[in-house]
């Protein structure tokens, strides 16, 4: 078993963009132990491996959706509809 290099991990922001949720949601899931993060050895920042995100999506969605690890550095536009304002 080889140890992944730090550049193979996704930051919380990159991981959130890949699976279509917010960074705050990933942080909540980490605290609740639903999707535990690894920690950067120096900074302590949360880090995720793309294959672990794939496994999580398969468990939650039951889908064969793959995480695009090449999506680093940019977020995708949200597909959610804007909320209607009251009043």
PDB file of N, CA and C in Angstrom:
ATOM      1  N   UNK A   1       0.850  -1.184   0.000  1.00  0.00           N
ATOM      2  CA  UNK A   1       0.000   0.000   0.000  1.00  0.00           C
ATOM      3  C   UNK A   1       0.888   1.236   0.000  1.00  0.00           C
ATOM      4  N   UNK A   2       0.631   2.136  -0.935  1.00  0.00           N
ATOM      5  CA  UNK A   2       1.423   3.350  -1.011  1.00  0.00           C
ATOM      6  C   UNK A   2       0.678   4.491  -0.333  1.00  0.00           C
ATOM      7  N   UNK A   3       1.434   5.380   0.247  1.00  0.00           N
ATOM      8  CA  UNK A   3       0.857   6.540   0.918  1.00  0.00           C
ATOM      9  C   UNK A   3       0.653   7.629  -0.127  1.00  0.00           C
ATOM     10  N   UNK A   4      -0.568   8.186  -0.237  1.00  0.00           N
ATOM     11  CA  UNK A   4      -0.807   9.244  -1.217  1.00  0.00           C
ATOM     12  C   UNK A   4       0.025  10.479  -0.903  1.00  0.00           C
ATOM     13  N   UNK A   5       0.452  11.168  -1.952  1.00  0.00           N
ATOM     14  CA  UNK A   5       1.179  12.421  -1.793  1.00  0.00           C
ATOM     15  C   UNK A   5       0.180  13.530  -1.503  1.00  0.00           C
ATOM     16  N   UNK A   6       0.642  14.581  -0.869  1.00  0.00           N
ATOM     17  CA  UNK A   6      -0.257  15.669  -0.486  1.00  0.00           C
ATOM     18  C   UNK A   6      -0.969  16.293  -1.684  1.00  0.00           C
ATOM     19  N   UNK A   7      -0.322  16.307  -2.864  1.00  0.00           N
ATOM     20  CA  UNK A   7      -0.966  16.919  -4.025  1.00  0.00           C
ATOM     21  C   UNK A   7      -2.077  16.043  -4.605  1.00  0.00           C
ATOM     22  N   UNK A   8      -2.242  14.816  -4.090  1.00  0.00           N
ATOM     23  CA  UNK A   8      -3.325  13.939  -4.541  1.00  0.00           C
ATOM     24  C   UNK A   8      -4.610  14.174  -3.749  1.00  0.00           C
ATOM     25  N   UNK A   9      -4.518  14.913  -2.665  1.00  0.00           N
ATOM     26  CA  UNK A   9      -5.679  15.202  -1.831  1.00  0.00           C
ATOM     27  C   UNK A   9      -6.408  16.440  -2.348  1.00  0.00           C
ATOM     28  N   UNK A  10      -7.694  16.505  -2.043  1.00  0.00           N
ATOM     29  CA  UNK A  10      -8.498  17.679  -2.351  1.00  0.00           C
ATOM     30  C   UNK A  10      -8.731  18.465  -1.069  1.00  0.00           C
ATOM     31  N   UNK A  11      -8.721  19.785  -1.180  1.00  0.00           N
ATOM     32  CA  UNK A  11      -9.056  20.612  -0.031  1.00  0.00           C
ATOM     33  C   UNK A  11     -10.560  20.530   0.189  1.00  0.00           C
ATOM     34  N   UNK A  12     -11.022  21.057   1.291  1.00  0.00           N
ATOM     35  CA  UNK A  12     -12.457  21.006   1.589  1.00  0.00           C
ATOM     36  C   UNK A  12     -13.248  21.755   0.513  1.00  0.00           C
ATOM     37  N   UNK A  13     -12.725  22.862   0.020  1.00  0.00           N
ATOM     38  CA  UNK A  13     -13.412  23.625  -1.022  1.00  0.00           C
ATOM     39  C   UNK A  13     -13.452  22.855  -2.332  1.00  0.00           C
ATOM     40  N   UNK A  14     -12.345  22.238  -2.708  1.00  0.00           N
ATOM     41  CA  UNK A  14     -12.297  21.454  -3.940  1.00  0.00           C
ATOM     42  C   UNK A  14     -13.199  20.229  -3.849  1.00  0.00           C
ATOM     43  N   UNK A  15     -13.186  19.555  -2.705  1.00  0.00           N
ATOM     44  CA  UNK A  15     -14.026  18.370  -2.521  1.00  0.00           C
ATOM     45  C   UNK A  15     -15.508  18.747  -2.580  1.00  0.00           C
ATOM     46  N   UNK A  16     -15.854  19.876  -1.958  1.00  0.00           N
ATOM     47  CA  UNK A  16     -17.247  20.325  -1.975  1.00  0.00           C
ATOM     48  C   UNK A  16     -17.706  20.610  -3.403  1.00  0.00           C
ATOM     49  N   UNK A  17     -16.852  21.254  -4.195  1.00  0.00           N
ATOM     50  CA  UNK A  17     -17.199  21.544  -5.592  1.00  0.00           C
ATOM     51  C   UNK A  17     -17.372  20.249  -6.384  1.00  0.00           C
ATOM     52  N   UNK A  18     -16.560  19.254  -6.094  1.00  0.00           N
ATOM     53  CA  UNK A  18     -16.631  17.984  -6.829  1.00  0.00           C
ATOM     54  C   UNK A  18     -17.915  17.218  -6.547  1.00  0.00           C
ATOM     55  N   UNK A  19     -18.389  17.252  -5.305  1.00  0.00           N
ATOM     56  CA  UNK A  19     -19.582  16.460  -4.992  1.00  0.00           C
ATOM     57  C   UNK A  19     -20.855  17.302  -4.936  1.00  0.00           C
ATOM     58  N   UNK A  20     -20.717  18.607  -5.140  1.00  0.00           N
ATOM     59  CA  UNK A  20     -21.905  19.450  -5.252  1.00  0.00           C
ATOM     60  C   UNK A  20     -22.540  19.849  -3.936  1.00  0.00           C
ATOM     61  N   UNK A  21     -21.734  20.149  -2.943  1.00  0.00           N
ATOM     62  CA  UNK A  21     -22.268  20.660  -1.681  1.00  0.00           C
ATOM     63  C   UNK A  21     -21.384  21.809  -1.231  1.00  0.00           C
ATOM     64  N   UNK A  22     -21.699  22.401  -0.104  1.00  0.00           N
ATOM     65  CA  UNK A  22     -20.871  23.508   0.382  1.00  0.00           C
ATOM     66  C   UNK A  22     -19.741  22.981   1.257  1.00  0.00           C
ATOM     67  N   UNK A  23     -18.719  23.804   1.409  1.00  0.00           N
ATOM     68  CA  UNK A  23     -17.596  23.449   2.281  1.00  0.00           C
ATOM     69  C   UNK A  23     -18.077  23.298   3.724  1.00  0.00           C
ATOM     70  N   UNK A  24     -19.028  24.134   4.132  1.00  0.00           N
ATOM     71  CA  UNK A  24     -19.574  24.028   5.491  1.00  0.00           C
ATOM     72  C   UNK A  24     -20.275  22.693   5.716  1.00  0.00           C
ATOM     73  N   UNK A  25     -20.941  22.178   4.682  1.00  0.00           N
ATOM     74  CA  UNK A  25     -21.594  20.874   4.787  1.00  0.00           C
ATOM     75  C   UNK A  25     -20.551  19.784   5.015  1.00  0.00           C
ATOM     76  N   UNK A  26     -19.444  19.833   4.268  1.00  0.00           N
ATOM     77  CA  UNK A  26     -18.381  18.844   4.470  1.00  0.00           C
ATOM     78  C   UNK A  26     -17.802  18.939   5.879  1.00  0.00           C
ATOM     79  N   UNK A  27     -17.664  20.149   6.371  1.00  0.00           N
ATOM     80  CA  UNK A  27     -17.145  20.308   7.738  1.00  0.00           C
ATOM     81  C   UNK A  27     -18.107  19.702   8.757  1.00  0.00           C
ATOM     82  N   UNK A  28     -19.421  19.914   8.562  1.00  0.00           N
ATOM     83  CA  UNK A  28     -20.427  19.311   9.460  1.00  0.00           C
ATOM     84  C   UNK A  28     -20.378  17.797   9.387  1.00  0.00           C
ATOM     85  N   UNK A  29     -20.268  17.245   8.169  1.00  0.00           N
ATOM     86  CA  UNK A  29     -20.204  15.798   8.002  1.00  0.00           C
ATOM     87  C   UNK A  29     -18.959  15.233   8.661  1.00  0.00           C
ATOM     88  N   UNK A  30     -17.861  15.989   8.639  1.00  0.00           N
ATOM     89  CA  UNK A  30     -16.639  15.542   9.305  1.00  0.00           C
ATOM     90  C   UNK A  30     -16.843  15.511  10.820  1.00  0.00           C
ATOM     91  N   UNK A  31     -17.435  16.568  11.375  1.00  0.00           N
ATOM     92  CA  UNK A  31     -17.684  16.602  12.824  1.00  0.00           C
ATOM     93  C   UNK A  31     -18.642  15.500  13.251  1.00  0.00           C
ATOM     94  N   UNK A  32     -19.617  15.169  12.392  1.00  0.00           N
ATOM     95  CA  UNK A  32     -20.590  14.117  12.698  1.00  0.00           C
ATOM     96  C   UNK A  32     -20.063  12.731  12.338  1.00  0.00           C
ATOM     97  N   UNK A  33     -18.860  12.669  11.799  1.00  0.00           N
ATOM     98  CA  UNK A  33     -18.222  11.419  11.406  1.00  0.00           C
ATOM     99  C   UNK A  33     -18.958  10.708  10.268  1.00  0.00           C
ATOM    100  N   UNK A  34     -19.697  11.461   9.461  1.00  0.00           N
ATOM    101  CA  UNK A  34     -20.369  10.880   8.287  1.00  0.00           C
ATOM    102  C   UNK A  34     -19.396  10.733   7.124  1.00  0.00           C
ATOM    103  N   UNK A  35     -18.521  11.721   6.971  1.00  0.00           N
ATOM    104  CA  UNK A  35     -17.483  11.692   5.943  1.00  0.00           C
ATOM    105  C   UNK A  35     -16.219  12.278   6.565  1.00  0.00           C
ATOM    106  N   UNK A  36     -15.490  11.436   7.307  1.00  0.00           N
ATOM    107  CA  UNK A  36     -14.305  11.940   7.999  1.00  0.00           C
ATOM    108  C   UNK A  36     -13.229  12.429   7.033  1.00  0.00           C
ATOM    109  N   UNK A  37     -12.584  13.503   7.417  1.00  0.00           N
ATOM    110  CA  UNK A  37     -11.504  14.077   6.614  1.00  0.00           C
ATOM    111  C   UNK A  37     -10.160  13.668   7.196  1.00  0.00           C
ATOM    112  N   UNK A  38      -9.171  13.673   6.342  1.00  0.00           N
ATOM    113  CA  UNK A  38      -7.794  13.557   6.810  1.00  0.00           C
ATOM    114  C   UNK A  38      -7.362  14.972   7.166  1.00  0.00           C
ATOM    115  N   UNK A  39      -6.259  15.102   7.854  1.00  0.00           N
ATOM    116  CA  UNK A  39      -5.758  16.433   8.213  1.00  0.00           C
ATOM    117  C   UNK A  39      -4.357  16.645   7.640  1.00  0.00           C
ATOM    118  N   UNK A  40      -4.116  17.866   7.173  1.00  0.00           N
ATOM    119  CA  UNK A  40      -2.796  18.240   6.685  1.00  0.00           C
ATOM    120  C   UNK A  40      -1.830  18.179   7.864  1.00  0.00           C
ATOM    121  N   UNK A  41      -0.662  17.587   7.694  1.00  0.00           N
ATOM    122  CA  UNK A  41       0.239  17.400   8.834  1.00  0.00           C
ATOM    123  C   UNK A  41       0.780  18.699   9.435  1.00  0.00           C
ATOM    124  N   UNK A  42       0.803  19.773   8.672  1.00  0.00           N
ATOM    125  CA  UNK A  42       1.343  21.032   9.181  1.00  0.00           C
ATOM    126  C   UNK A  42       0.233  22.008   9.573  1.00  0.00           C
ATOM    127  N   UNK A  43      -0.716  22.209   8.667  1.00  0.00           N
ATOM    128  CA  UNK A  43      -1.747  23.225   8.890  1.00  0.00           C
ATOM    129  C   UNK A  43      -2.968  22.710   9.632  1.00  0.00           C
ATOM    130  N   UNK A  44      -3.216  21.399   9.552  1.00  0.00           N
ATOM    131  CA  UNK A  44      -4.400  20.835  10.180  1.00  0.00           C
ATOM    132  C   UNK A  44      -5.657  20.975   9.334  1.00  0.00           C
ATOM    133  N   UNK A  45      -5.532  21.513   8.107  1.00  0.00           N
ATOM    134  CA  UNK A  45      -6.690  21.668   7.227  1.00  0.00           C
ATOM    135  C   UNK A  45      -7.244  20.303   6.844  1.00  0.00           C
ATOM    136  N   UNK A  46      -8.540  20.258   6.566  1.00  0.00           N
ATOM    137  CA  UNK A  46      -9.184  19.020   6.131  1.00  0.00           C
ATOM    138  C   UNK A  46      -8.757  18.688   4.704  1.00  0.00           C
ATOM    139  N   UNK A  47      -8.541  17.400   4.453  1.00  0.00           N
ATOM    140  CA  UNK A  47      -8.164  16.915   3.129  1.00  0.00           C
ATOM    141  C   UNK A  47      -8.975  15.669   2.803  1.00  0.00           C
ATOM    142  N   UNK A  48      -9.279  15.492   1.526  1.00  0.00           N
ATOM    143  CA  UNK A  48     -10.081  14.358   1.070  1.00  0.00           C
ATOM    144  C   UNK A  48      -9.412  13.702  -0.127  1.00  0.00           C
ATOM    145  N   UNK A  49      -9.494  12.378  -0.189  1.00  0.00           N
ATOM    146  CA  UNK A  49      -9.027  11.644  -1.357  1.00  0.00           C
ATOM    147  C   UNK A  49     -10.215  11.429  -2.299  1.00  0.00           C
ATOM    148  N   UNK A  50     -10.007  11.634  -3.605  1.00  0.00           N
ATOM    149  CA  UNK A  50     -11.114  11.473  -4.553  1.00  0.00           C
ATOM    150  C   UNK A  50     -11.809  10.119  -4.468  1.00  0.00           C
ATOM    151  N   UNK A  51     -11.058   9.025  -4.276  1.00  0.00           N
ATOM    152  CA  UNK A  51     -11.710   7.706  -4.236  1.00  0.00           C
ATOM    153  C   UNK A  51     -12.582   7.554  -2.983  1.00  0.00           C
ATOM    154  N   UNK A  52     -12.243   8.249  -1.890  1.00  0.00           N
ATOM    155  CA  UNK A  52     -13.094   8.206  -0.697  1.00  0.00           C
ATOM    156  C   UNK A  52     -14.395   8.971  -0.928  1.00  0.00           C
ATOM    157  N   UNK A  53     -14.320  10.050  -1.695  1.00  0.00           N
ATOM    158  CA  UNK A  53     -15.537  10.781  -2.047  1.00  0.00           C
ATOM    159  C   UNK A  53     -16.419   9.926  -2.955  1.00  0.00           C
ATOM    160  N   UNK A  54     -15.795   9.193  -3.886  1.00  0.00           N
ATOM    161  CA  UNK A  54     -16.546   8.265  -4.753  1.00  0.00           C
ATOM    162  C   UNK A  54     -17.307   7.235  -3.920  1.00  0.00           C
ATOM    163  N   UNK A  55     -16.613   6.645  -2.958  1.00  0.00           N
ATOM    164  CA  UNK A  55     -17.237   5.636  -2.102  1.00  0.00           C
ATOM    165  C   UNK A  55     -18.396   6.227  -1.311  1.00  0.00           C
ATOM    166  N   UNK A  56     -18.204   7.418  -0.793  1.00  0.00           N
ATOM    167  CA  UNK A  56     -19.251   8.088  -0.030  1.00  0.00           C
ATOM    168  C   UNK A  56     -20.478   8.337  -0.902  1.00  0.00           C
ATOM    169  N   UNK A  57     -20.261   8.841  -2.117  1.00  0.00           N
ATOM    170  CA  UNK A  57     -21.385   9.101  -3.022  1.00  0.00           C
ATOM    171  C   UNK A  57     -22.126   7.814  -3.374  1.00  0.00           C
ATOM    172  N   UNK A  58     -21.396   6.727  -3.576  1.00  0.00           N
ATOM    173  CA  UNK A  58     -22.042   5.444  -3.875  1.00  0.00           C
ATOM    174  C   UNK A  58     -22.906   4.980  -2.716  1.00  0.00           C
ATOM    175  N   UNK A  59     -22.406   5.152  -1.497  1.00  0.00           N
ATOM    176  CA  UNK A  59     -23.178   4.752  -0.314  1.00  0.00           C
ATOM    177  C   UNK A  59     -24.424   5.604  -0.139  1.00  0.00           C
ATOM    178  N   UNK A  60     -24.281   6.899  -0.305  1.00  0.00           N
ATOM    179  CA  UNK A  60     -25.385   7.824  -0.048  1.00  0.00           C
ATOM    180  C   UNK A  60     -26.393   7.830  -1.189  1.00  0.00           C
ATOM    181  N   UNK A  61     -25.902   7.923  -2.412  1.00  0.00           N
ATOM    182  CA  UNK A  61     -26.787   8.067  -3.570  1.00  0.00           C
ATOM    183  C   UNK A  61     -27.110   6.752  -4.242  1.00  0.00           C
ATOM    184  N   UNK A  62     -26.287   5.744  -3.990  1.00  0.00           N
ATOM    185  CA  UNK A  62     -26.472   4.483  -4.689  1.00  0.00           C
ATOM    186  C   UNK A  62     -26.140   4.614  -6.162  1.00  0.00           C
ATOM    187  N   UNK A  63     -25.375   5.641  -6.506  1.00  0.00           N
ATOM    188  CA  UNK A  63     -25.057   5.904  -7.904  1.00  0.00           C
ATOM    189  C   UNK A  63     -23.609   5.542  -8.195  1.00  0.00           C
ATOM    190  N   UNK A  64     -23.325   5.422  -9.482  1.00  0.00           N
ATOM    191  CA  UNK A  64     -21.960   5.170  -9.912  1.00  0.00           C
ATOM    192  C   UNK A  64     -21.307   6.471 -10.355  1.00  0.00           C
ATOM    193  N   UNK A  65     -21.650   7.548  -9.673  1.00  0.00           N
ATOM    194  CA  UNK A  65     -21.109   8.855  -9.994  1.00  0.00           C
ATOM    195  C   UNK A  65     -19.647   8.914  -9.580  1.00  0.00           C
ATOM    196  N   UNK A  66     -18.807   9.483 -10.433  1.00  0.00           N
ATOM    197  CA  UNK A  66     -17.378   9.592 -10.150  1.00  0.00           C
ATOM    198  C   UNK A  66     -17.044  11.043  -9.819  1.00  0.00           C
ATOM    199  N   UNK A  67     -16.117  11.210  -8.905  1.00  0.00           N
ATOM    200  CA  UNK A  67     -15.619  12.532  -8.557  1.00  0.00           C
ATOM    201  C   UNK A  67     -14.567  12.910  -9.570  1.00  0.00           C
ATOM    202  N   UNK A  68     -14.664  14.119 -10.113  1.00  0.00           N
ATOM    203  CA  UNK A  68     -13.697  14.608 -11.075  1.00  0.00           C
ATOM    204  C   UNK A  68     -12.561  15.283 -10.333  1.00  0.00           C
ATOM    205  N   UNK A  69     -11.473  14.551 -10.133  1.00  0.00           N
ATOM    206  CA  UNK A  69     -10.328  15.094  -9.394  1.00  0.00           C
ATOM    207  C   UNK A  69      -9.664  16.214 -10.185  1.00  0.00           C
ATOM    208  N   UNK A  70      -9.930  16.292 -11.466  1.00  0.00           N
ATOM    209  CA  UNK A  70      -9.373  17.371 -12.281  1.00  0.00           C
ATOM    210  C   UNK A  70     -10.098  18.677 -12.085  1.00  0.00           C
ATOM    211  N   UNK A  71     -11.121  18.684 -11.269  1.00  0.00           N
ATOM    212  CA  UNK A  71     -11.894  19.903 -11.036  1.00  0.00           C
ATOM    213  C   UNK A  71     -11.266  20.786  -9.971  1.00  0.00           C
ATOM    214  N   UNK A  72     -10.041  20.505  -9.604  1.00  0.00           N
ATOM    215  CA  UNK A  72      -9.364  21.313  -8.590  1.00  0.00           C
ATOM    216  C   UNK A  72      -9.309  22.772  -9.013  1.00  0.00           C
ATOM    217  N   UNK A  73      -9.455  23.628  -8.020  1.00  0.00           N
ATOM    218  CA  UNK A  73      -9.209  25.039  -8.234  1.00  0.00           C
ATOM    219  C   UNK A  73     -10.379  25.839  -8.759  1.00  0.00           C
ATOM    220  N   UNK A  74     -11.463  25.232  -9.134  1.00  0.00           N
ATOM    221  CA  UNK A  74     -12.598  25.994  -9.622  1.00  0.00           C
ATOM    222  C   UNK A  74     -13.885  25.371  -9.169  1.00  0.00           C
ATOM    223  N   UNK A  75     -14.811  26.217  -8.842  1.00  0.00           N
ATOM    224  CA  UNK A  75     -16.101  25.670  -8.439  1.00  0.00           C
ATOM    225  C   UNK A  75     -17.046  25.720  -9.620  1.00  0.00           C
ATOM    226  N   UNK A  76     -17.955  24.789  -9.653  1.00  0.00           N
ATOM    227  CA  UNK A  76     -18.932  24.723 -10.722  1.00  0.00           C
ATOM    228  C   UNK A  76     -20.159  25.514 -10.309  1.00  0.00           C
ATOM    229  N   UNK A  77     -20.863  26.085 -11.279  1.00  0.00           N
ATOM    230  CA  UNK A  77     -22.080  26.813 -10.911  1.00  0.00           C
ATOM    231  C   UNK A  77     -23.106  25.871 -10.302  1.00  0.00           C
ATOM    232  N   UNK A  78     -23.851  26.390  -9.372  1.00  0.00           N
ATOM    233  CA  UNK A  78     -24.864  25.595  -8.694  1.00  0.00           C
ATOM    234  C   UNK A  78     -26.014  25.282  -9.638  1.00  0.00           C
ATOM    235  N   UNK A  79     -26.544  24.063  -9.532  1.00  0.00           N
ATOM    236  CA  UNK A  79     -27.691  23.679 -10.343  1.00  0.00           C
ATOM    237  C   UNK A  79     -28.992  23.887  -9.588  1.00  0.00           C
ATOM    238  N   UNK A  80     -28.887  24.373  -8.372  1.00  0.00           N
ATOM    239  CA  UNK A  80     -30.078  24.594  -7.552  1.00  0.00           C
ATOM    240  C   UNK A  80     -30.845  25.807  -8.064  1.00  0.00           C
ATOM    241  N   UNK A  81     -32.153  25.727  -7.951  1.00  0.00           N
ATOM    242  CA  UNK A  81     -32.975  26.863  -8.367  1.00  0.00           C
ATOM    243  C   UNK A  81     -32.889  27.964  -7.317  1.00  0.00           C
ATOM    244  N   UNK A  82     -32.929  29.218  -7.753  1.00  0.00           N
ATOM    245  CA  UNK A  82     -32.928  30.298  -6.769  1.00  0.00           C
ATOM    246  C   UNK A  82     -34.222  30.280  -5.950  1.00  0.00           C
ATOM    247  N   UNK A  83     -34.112  30.669  -4.700  1.00  0.00           N
ATOM    248  CA  UNK A  83     -35.291  30.704  -3.831  1.00  0.00           C
ATOM    249  C   UNK A  83     -36.180  31.886  -4.182  1.00  0.00           C
ATOM    250  N   UNK A  84     -37.475  31.652  -4.063  1.00  0.00           N
ATOM    251  CA  UNK A  84     -38.426  32.736  -4.284  1.00  0.00           C
ATOM    252  C   UNK A  84     -38.516  33.577  -3.035  1.00  0.00           C
ATOM    253  N   UNK A  85     -38.554  34.862  -3.226  1.00  0.00           N
ATOM    254  CA  UNK A  85     -38.662  35.774  -2.088  1.00  0.00           C
ATOM    255  C   UNK A  85     -40.109  35.944  -1.701  1.00  0.00           C
ATOM    256  N   UNK A  86     -40.314  36.017  -0.422  1.00  0.00           N
ATOM    257  CA  UNK A  86     -41.669  36.245   0.088  1.00  0.00           C
ATOM    258  C   UNK A  86     -41.946  37.736   0.108  1.00  0.00           C
ATOM    259  N   UNK A  87     -43.174  38.069  -0.201  1.00  0.00           N
ATOM    260  CA  UNK A  87     -43.601  39.452  -0.041  1.00  0.00           C
ATOM    261  C   UNK A  87     -43.412  40.223  -1.235  1.00  0.00           C
TER     262      UNK A  87
END
